[in-house]
Amino acid sequence: VAHLKTSSLSLSGSDNSFSWAMGGGLDVYVSPRFSVRLAEADWLRTQFADSTQSNFRCSGGVVIKF
């Protein structure tokens, strides 16, 4: 679920809409407690009324397993 809130001199209001994200990633095993996340890529899509928005995000990092 996505929430949009607008506030300006001529227009104000809020809207809720369905949103979704799809993606995947690649983790490389280093040890039983650590991995390196080489890449994680996602596509995020939201749609409010007549307006749709698609965003791409990519990240990487260290994974610590507890």
PDB file of N, CA and C in Angstrom:
ATOM      1  N   VAL A   1       0.847  -1.172   0.000  1.00  0.00           N
ATOM      2  CA  VAL A   1       0.000   0.000   0.000  1.00  0.00           C
ATOM      3  C   VAL A   1       0.889   1.231   0.000  1.00  0.00           C
ATOM      4  N   ALA A   2       0.522   2.218  -0.799  1.00  0.00           N
ATOM      5  CA  ALA A   2       1.246   3.485  -0.854  1.00  0.00           C
ATOM      6  C   ALA A   2       0.300   4.603  -0.412  1.00  0.00           C
ATOM      7  N   HIS A   3       0.855   5.636   0.196  1.00  0.00           N
ATOM      8  CA  HIS A   3       0.070   6.776   0.661  1.00  0.00           C
ATOM      9  C   HIS A   3       0.663   8.048   0.077  1.00  0.00           C
ATOM     10  N   LEU A   4      -0.186   8.911  -0.453  1.00  0.00           N
ATOM     11  CA  LEU A   4       0.231  10.177  -1.039  1.00  0.00           C
ATOM     12  C   LEU A   4      -0.503  11.299  -0.333  1.00  0.00           C
ATOM     13  N   LYS A   5       0.256  12.309   0.103  1.00  0.00           N
ATOM     14  CA  LYS A   5      -0.351  13.467   0.744  1.00  0.00           C
ATOM     15  C   LYS A   5       0.178  14.713   0.058  1.00  0.00           C
ATOM     16  N   THR A   6      -0.718  15.570  -0.414  1.00  0.00           N
ATOM     17  CA  THR A   6      -0.318  16.802  -1.076  1.00  0.00           C
ATOM     18  C   THR A   6      -0.812  17.988  -0.271  1.00  0.00           C
ATOM     19  N   SER A   7      -0.041  19.041  -0.321  1.00  0.00           N
ATOM     20  CA  SER A   7      -0.411  20.262   0.364  1.00  0.00           C
ATOM     21  C   SER A   7       0.222  21.431  -0.379  1.00  0.00           C
ATOM     22  N   SER A   8      -0.608  22.262  -0.969  1.00  0.00           N
ATOM     23  CA  SER A   8      -0.133  23.456  -1.653  1.00  0.00           C
ATOM     24  C   SER A   8      -1.212  24.529  -1.525  1.00  0.00           C
ATOM     25  N   LEU A   9      -0.956  25.698  -2.083  1.00  0.00           N
ATOM     26  CA  LEU A   9      -1.923  26.783  -1.978  1.00  0.00           C
ATOM     27  C   LEU A   9      -3.211  26.483  -2.742  1.00  0.00           C
ATOM     28  N   SER A  10      -3.098  25.788  -3.873  1.00  0.00           N
ATOM     29  CA  SER A  10      -4.281  25.549  -4.695  1.00  0.00           C
ATOM     30  C   SER A  10      -4.892  24.161  -4.524  1.00  0.00           C
ATOM     31  N   LEU A  11      -4.147  23.206  -3.957  1.00  0.00           N
ATOM     32  CA  LEU A  11      -4.631  21.834  -3.895  1.00  0.00           C
ATOM     33  C   LEU A  11      -4.100  21.155  -2.641  1.00  0.00           C
ATOM     34  N   SER A  12      -4.968  20.417  -1.962  1.00  0.00           N
ATOM     35  CA  SER A  12      -4.511  19.608  -0.832  1.00  0.00           C
ATOM     36  C   SER A  12      -5.397  18.372  -0.747  1.00  0.00           C
ATOM     37  N   GLY A  13      -4.836  17.297  -0.223  1.00  0.00           N
ATOM     38  CA  GLY A  13      -5.581  16.061  -0.073  1.00  0.00           C
ATOM     39  C   GLY A  13      -4.648  14.890   0.112  1.00  0.00           C
ATOM     40  N   SER A  14      -5.232  13.688   0.184  1.00  0.00           N
ATOM     41  CA  SER A  14      -4.436  12.480   0.331  1.00  0.00           C
ATOM     42  C   SER A  14      -5.132  11.342  -0.408  1.00  0.00           C
ATOM     43  N   ASP A  15      -4.352  10.297  -0.699  1.00  0.00           N
ATOM     44  CA  ASP A  15      -4.868   9.150  -1.446  1.00  0.00           C
ATOM     45  C   ASP A  15      -4.071   7.916  -1.059  1.00  0.00           C
ATOM     46  N   ASN A  16      -4.735   6.776  -1.013  1.00  0.00           N
ATOM     47  CA  ASN A  16      -4.088   5.488  -0.803  1.00  0.00           C
ATOM     48  C   ASN A  16      -4.212   4.676  -2.085  1.00  0.00           C
ATOM     49  N   SER A  17      -3.198   3.872  -2.375  1.00  0.00           N
ATOM     50  CA  SER A  17      -3.211   3.103  -3.606  1.00  0.00           C
ATOM     51  C   SER A  17      -2.402   1.834  -3.431  1.00  0.00           C
ATOM     52  N   PHE A  18      -2.596   0.918  -4.354  1.00  0.00           N
ATOM     53  CA  PHE A  18      -1.828  -0.320  -4.399  1.00  0.00           C
ATOM     54  C   PHE A  18      -0.457  -0.033  -5.000  1.00  0.00           C
ATOM     55  N   SER A  19       0.585  -0.599  -4.430  1.00  0.00           N
ATOM     56  CA  SER A  19       1.936  -0.491  -4.984  1.00  0.00           C
ATOM     57  C   SER A  19       2.589  -1.864  -4.906  1.00  0.00           C
ATOM     58  N   TRP A  20       3.631  -2.063  -5.713  1.00  0.00           N
ATOM     59  CA  TRP A  20       4.344  -3.338  -5.681  1.00  0.00           C
ATOM     60  C   TRP A  20       5.793  -3.143  -6.055  1.00  0.00           C
ATOM     61  N   ALA A  21       6.613  -4.082  -5.604  1.00  0.00           N
ATOM     62  CA  ALA A  21       8.042  -4.084  -5.925  1.00  0.00           C
ATOM     63  C   ALA A  21       8.428  -5.501  -6.338  1.00  0.00           C
ATOM     64  N   MET A  22       9.290  -5.582  -7.327  1.00  0.00           N
ATOM     65  CA  MET A  22       9.763  -6.869  -7.824  1.00  0.00           C
ATOM     66  C   MET A  22      11.272  -6.746  -8.033  1.00  0.00           C
ATOM     67  N   GLY A  23      12.014  -7.781  -7.650  1.00  0.00           N
ATOM     68  CA  GLY A  23      13.456  -7.709  -7.845  1.00  0.00           C
ATOM     69  C   GLY A  23      14.167  -8.935  -7.332  1.00  0.00           C
ATOM     70  N   GLY A  24      15.472  -8.810  -7.228  1.00  0.00           N
ATOM     71  CA  GLY A  24      16.299  -9.910  -6.762  1.00  0.00           C
ATOM     72  C   GLY A  24      17.704  -9.433  -6.479  1.00  0.00           C
ATOM     73  N   GLY A  25      18.532 -10.348  -6.020  1.00  0.00           N
ATOM     74  CA  GLY A  25      19.896  -9.966  -5.681  1.00  0.00           C
ATOM     75  C   GLY A  25      20.837 -11.147  -5.682  1.00  0.00           C
ATOM     76  N   LEU A  26      22.092 -10.839  -5.410  1.00  0.00           N
ATOM     77  CA  LEU A  26      23.142 -11.851  -5.399  1.00  0.00           C
ATOM     78  C   LEU A  26      24.017 -11.661  -4.163  1.00  0.00           C
ATOM     79  N   ASP A  27      24.015 -12.673  -3.285  1.00  0.00           N
ATOM     80  CA  ASP A  27      24.868 -12.682  -2.096  1.00  0.00           C
ATOM     81  C   ASP A  27      25.987 -13.696  -2.301  1.00  0.00           C
ATOM     82  N   VAL A  28      27.206 -13.322  -1.908  1.00  0.00           N
ATOM     83  CA  VAL A  28      28.362 -14.215  -1.996  1.00  0.00           C
ATOM     84  C   VAL A  28      28.754 -14.622  -0.579  1.00  0.00           C
ATOM     85  N   TYR A  29      28.764 -15.919  -0.334  1.00  0.00           N
ATOM     86  CA  TYR A  29      29.102 -16.487   0.964  1.00  0.00           C
ATOM     87  C   TYR A  29      30.564 -16.202   1.300  1.00  0.00           C
ATOM     88  N   VAL A  30      30.806 -15.673   2.519  1.00  0.00           N
ATOM     89  CA  VAL A  30      32.171 -15.434   2.999  1.00  0.00           C
ATOM     90  C   VAL A  30      32.487 -16.363   4.163  1.00  0.00           C
ATOM     91  N   SER A  31      31.568 -16.443   5.126  1.00  0.00           N
ATOM     92  CA  SER A  31      31.716 -17.311   6.291  1.00  0.00           C
ATOM     93  C   SER A  31      30.310 -17.623   6.803  1.00  0.00           C
ATOM     94  N   PRO A  32      30.190 -18.500   7.806  1.00  0.00           N
ATOM     95  CA  PRO A  32      28.846 -18.816   8.305  1.00  0.00           C
ATOM     96  C   PRO A  32      28.062 -17.598   8.809  1.00  0.00           C
ATOM     97  N   ARG A  33      28.748 -16.535   9.224  1.00  0.00           N
ATOM     98  CA  ARG A  33      28.064 -15.363   9.760  1.00  0.00           C
ATOM     99  C   ARG A  33      28.039 -14.173   8.815  1.00  0.00           C
ATOM    100  N   PHE A  34      28.817 -14.183   7.749  1.00  0.00           N
ATOM    101  CA  PHE A  34      28.908 -13.015   6.868  1.00  0.00           C
ATOM    102  C   PHE A  34      28.760 -13.404   5.394  1.00  0.00           C
ATOM    103  N   SER A  35      28.136 -12.515   4.651  1.00  0.00           N
ATOM    104  CA  SER A  35      28.047 -12.612   3.196  1.00  0.00           C
ATOM    105  C   SER A  35      28.229 -11.205   2.644  1.00  0.00           C
ATOM    106  N   VAL A  36      28.611 -11.116   1.390  1.00  0.00           N
ATOM    107  CA  VAL A  36      28.710  -9.829   0.711  1.00  0.00           C
ATOM    108  C   VAL A  36      27.593  -9.771  -0.318  1.00  0.00           C
ATOM    109  N   ARG A  37      26.774  -8.737  -0.234  1.00  0.00           N
ATOM    110  CA  ARG A  37      25.691  -8.551  -1.203  1.00  0.00           C
ATOM    111  C   ARG A  37      26.252  -7.747  -2.370  1.00  0.00           C
ATOM    112  N   LEU A  38      26.551  -8.454  -3.474  1.00  0.00           N
ATOM    113  CA  LEU A  38      27.127  -7.800  -4.642  1.00  0.00           C
ATOM    114  C   LEU A  38      26.127  -6.871  -5.310  1.00  0.00           C
ATOM    115  N   ALA A  39      24.887  -7.290  -5.414  1.00  0.00           N
ATOM    116  CA  ALA A  39      23.872  -6.457  -6.058  1.00  0.00           C
ATOM    117  C   ALA A  39      22.489  -6.865  -5.589  1.00  0.00           C
ATOM    118  N   GLU A  40      21.628  -5.882  -5.439  1.00  0.00           N
ATOM    119  CA  GLU A  40      20.207  -6.090  -5.207  1.00  0.00           C
ATOM    120  C   GLU A  40      19.484  -5.036  -6.045  1.00  0.00           C
ATOM    121  N   ALA A  41      18.628  -5.460  -6.923  1.00  0.00           N
ATOM    122  CA  ALA A  41      17.924  -4.539  -7.809  1.00  0.00           C
ATOM    123  C   ALA A  41      16.424  -4.763  -7.691  1.00  0.00           C
ATOM    124  N   ASP A  42      15.675  -3.681  -7.611  1.00  0.00           N
ATOM    125  CA  ASP A  42      14.228  -3.741  -7.469  1.00  0.00           C
ATOM    126  C   ASP A  42      13.573  -2.730  -8.397  1.00  0.00           C
ATOM    127  N   TRP A  43      12.378  -3.052  -8.826  1.00  0.00           N
ATOM    128  CA  TRP A  43      11.540  -2.142  -9.594  1.00  0.00           C
ATOM    129  C   TRP A  43      10.300  -1.885  -8.764  1.00  0.00           C
ATOM    130  N   LEU A  44      10.047  -0.632  -8.413  1.00  0.00           N
ATOM    131  CA  LEU A  44       8.932  -0.224  -7.564  1.00  0.00           C
ATOM    132  C   LEU A  44       7.933   0.562  -8.398  1.00  0.00           C
ATOM    133  N   ARG A  45       6.656   0.177  -8.338  1.00  0.00           N
ATOM    134  CA  ARG A  45       5.627   0.850  -9.131  1.00  0.00           C
ATOM    135  C   ARG A  45       4.463   1.249  -8.237  1.00  0.00           C
ATOM    136  N   THR A  46       4.024   2.488  -8.373  1.00  0.00           N
ATOM    137  CA  THR A  46       2.846   2.994  -7.676  1.00  0.00           C
ATOM    138  C   THR A  46       1.909   3.631  -8.698  1.00  0.00           C
ATOM    139  N   GLN A  47       0.626   3.671  -8.355  1.00  0.00           N
ATOM    140  CA  GLN A  47      -0.343   4.301  -9.234  1.00  0.00           C
ATOM    141  C   GLN A  47      -1.388   5.018  -8.398  1.00  0.00           C
ATOM    142  N   PHE A  48      -1.476   6.330  -8.597  1.00  0.00           N
ATOM    143  CA  PHE A  48      -2.477   7.165  -7.937  1.00  0.00           C
ATOM    144  C   PHE A  48      -3.332   7.819  -9.005  1.00  0.00           C
ATOM    145  N   ALA A  49      -4.644   7.582  -8.954  1.00  0.00           N
ATOM    146  CA  ALA A  49      -5.604   8.151  -9.914  1.00  0.00           C
ATOM    147  C   ALA A  49      -5.122   7.902 -11.340  1.00  0.00           C
ATOM    148  N   ASP A  50      -4.803   8.948 -12.082  1.00  0.00           N
ATOM    149  CA  ASP A  50      -4.368   8.811 -13.475  1.00  0.00           C
ATOM    150  C   ASP A  50      -2.847   8.855 -13.624  1.00  0.00           C
ATOM    151  N   SER A  51      -2.122   8.836 -12.535  1.00  0.00           N
ATOM    152  CA  SER A  51      -0.666   8.993 -12.577  1.00  0.00           C
ATOM    153  C   SER A  51       0.030   7.726 -12.080  1.00  0.00           C
ATOM    154  N   THR A  52       0.954   7.186 -12.880  1.00  0.00           N
ATOM    155  CA  THR A  52       1.757   6.044 -12.451  1.00  0.00           C
ATOM    156  C   THR A  52       3.207   6.475 -12.324  1.00  0.00           C
ATOM    157  N   GLN A  53       3.918   5.811 -11.439  1.00  0.00           N
ATOM    158  CA  GLN A  53       5.319   6.116 -11.210  1.00  0.00           C
ATOM    159  C   GLN A  53       6.085   4.807 -11.089  1.00  0.00           C
ATOM    160  N   SER A  54       7.171   4.690 -11.843  1.00  0.00           N
ATOM    161  CA  SER A  54       8.037   3.517 -11.789  1.00  0.00           C
ATOM    162  C   SER A  54       9.427   3.966 -11.365  1.00  0.00           C
ATOM    163  N   ASN A  55       9.982   3.284 -10.373  1.00  0.00           N
ATOM    164  CA  ASN A  55      11.317   3.617  -9.868  1.00  0.00           C
ATOM    165  C   ASN A  55      12.180   2.368  -9.844  1.00  0.00           C
ATOM    166  N   PHE A  56      13.440   2.528 -10.151  1.00  0.00           N
ATOM    167  CA  PHE A  56      14.427   1.462 -10.096  1.00  0.00           C
ATOM    168  C   PHE A  56      15.381   1.770  -8.960  1.00  0.00           C
ATOM    169  N   ARG A  57      15.678   0.775  -8.150  1.00  0.00           N
ATOM    170  CA  ARG A  57      16.656   0.976  -7.072  1.00  0.00           C
ATOM    171  C   ARG A  57      17.650  -0.175  -7.080  1.00  0.00           C
ATOM    172  N   CYS A  58      18.893   0.141  -6.775  1.00  0.00           N
ATOM    173  CA  CYS A  58      19.970  -0.845  -6.766  1.00  0.00           C
ATOM    174  C   CYS A  58      20.819  -0.593  -5.533  1.00  0.00           C
ATOM    175  N   SER A  59      21.227  -1.657  -4.845  1.00  0.00           N
ATOM    176  CA  SER A  59      22.031  -1.499  -3.637  1.00  0.00           C
ATOM    177  C   SER A  59      22.977  -2.687  -3.491  1.00  0.00           C
ATOM    178  N   GLY A  60      23.853  -2.594  -2.543  1.00  0.00           N
ATOM    179  CA  GLY A  60      24.794  -3.649  -2.203  1.00  0.00           C
ATOM    180  C   GLY A  60      25.234  -3.463  -0.764  1.00  0.00           C
ATOM    181  N   GLY A  61      25.988  -4.414  -0.223  1.00  0.00           N
ATOM    182  CA  GLY A  61      26.435  -4.248   1.150  1.00  0.00           C
ATOM    183  C   GLY A  61      26.931  -5.528   1.778  1.00  0.00           C
ATOM    184  N   VAL A  62      26.916  -5.536   3.099  1.00  0.00           N
ATOM    185  CA  VAL A  62      27.372  -6.672   3.901  1.00  0.00           C
ATOM    186  C   VAL A  62      26.168  -7.256   4.614  1.00  0.00           C
ATOM    187  N   VAL A  63      26.051  -8.581   4.623  1.00  0.00           N
ATOM    188  CA  VAL A  63      24.973  -9.286   5.302  1.00  0.00           C
ATOM    189  C   VAL A  63      25.548  -9.961   6.531  1.00  0.00           C
ATOM    190  N   ILE A  64      25.000  -9.647   7.702  1.00  0.00           N
ATOM    191  CA  ILE A  64      25.435 -10.262   8.960  1.00  0.00           C
ATOM    192  C   ILE A  64      24.307 -11.183   9.426  1.00  0.00           C
ATOM    193  N   LYS A  65      24.621 -12.452   9.620  1.00  0.00           N
ATOM    194  CA  LYS A  65      23.614 -13.442  10.014  1.00  0.00           C
ATOM    195  C   LYS A  65      23.691 -13.689  11.507  1.00  0.00           C
ATOM    196  N   PHE A  66      22.543 -13.577  12.168  1.00  0.00           N
ATOM    197  CA  PHE A  66      22.491 -13.795  13.618  1.00  0.00           C
ATOM    198  C   PHE A  66      21.979 -15.159  13.935  1.00  0.00           C
TER     199      PHE A  66
END
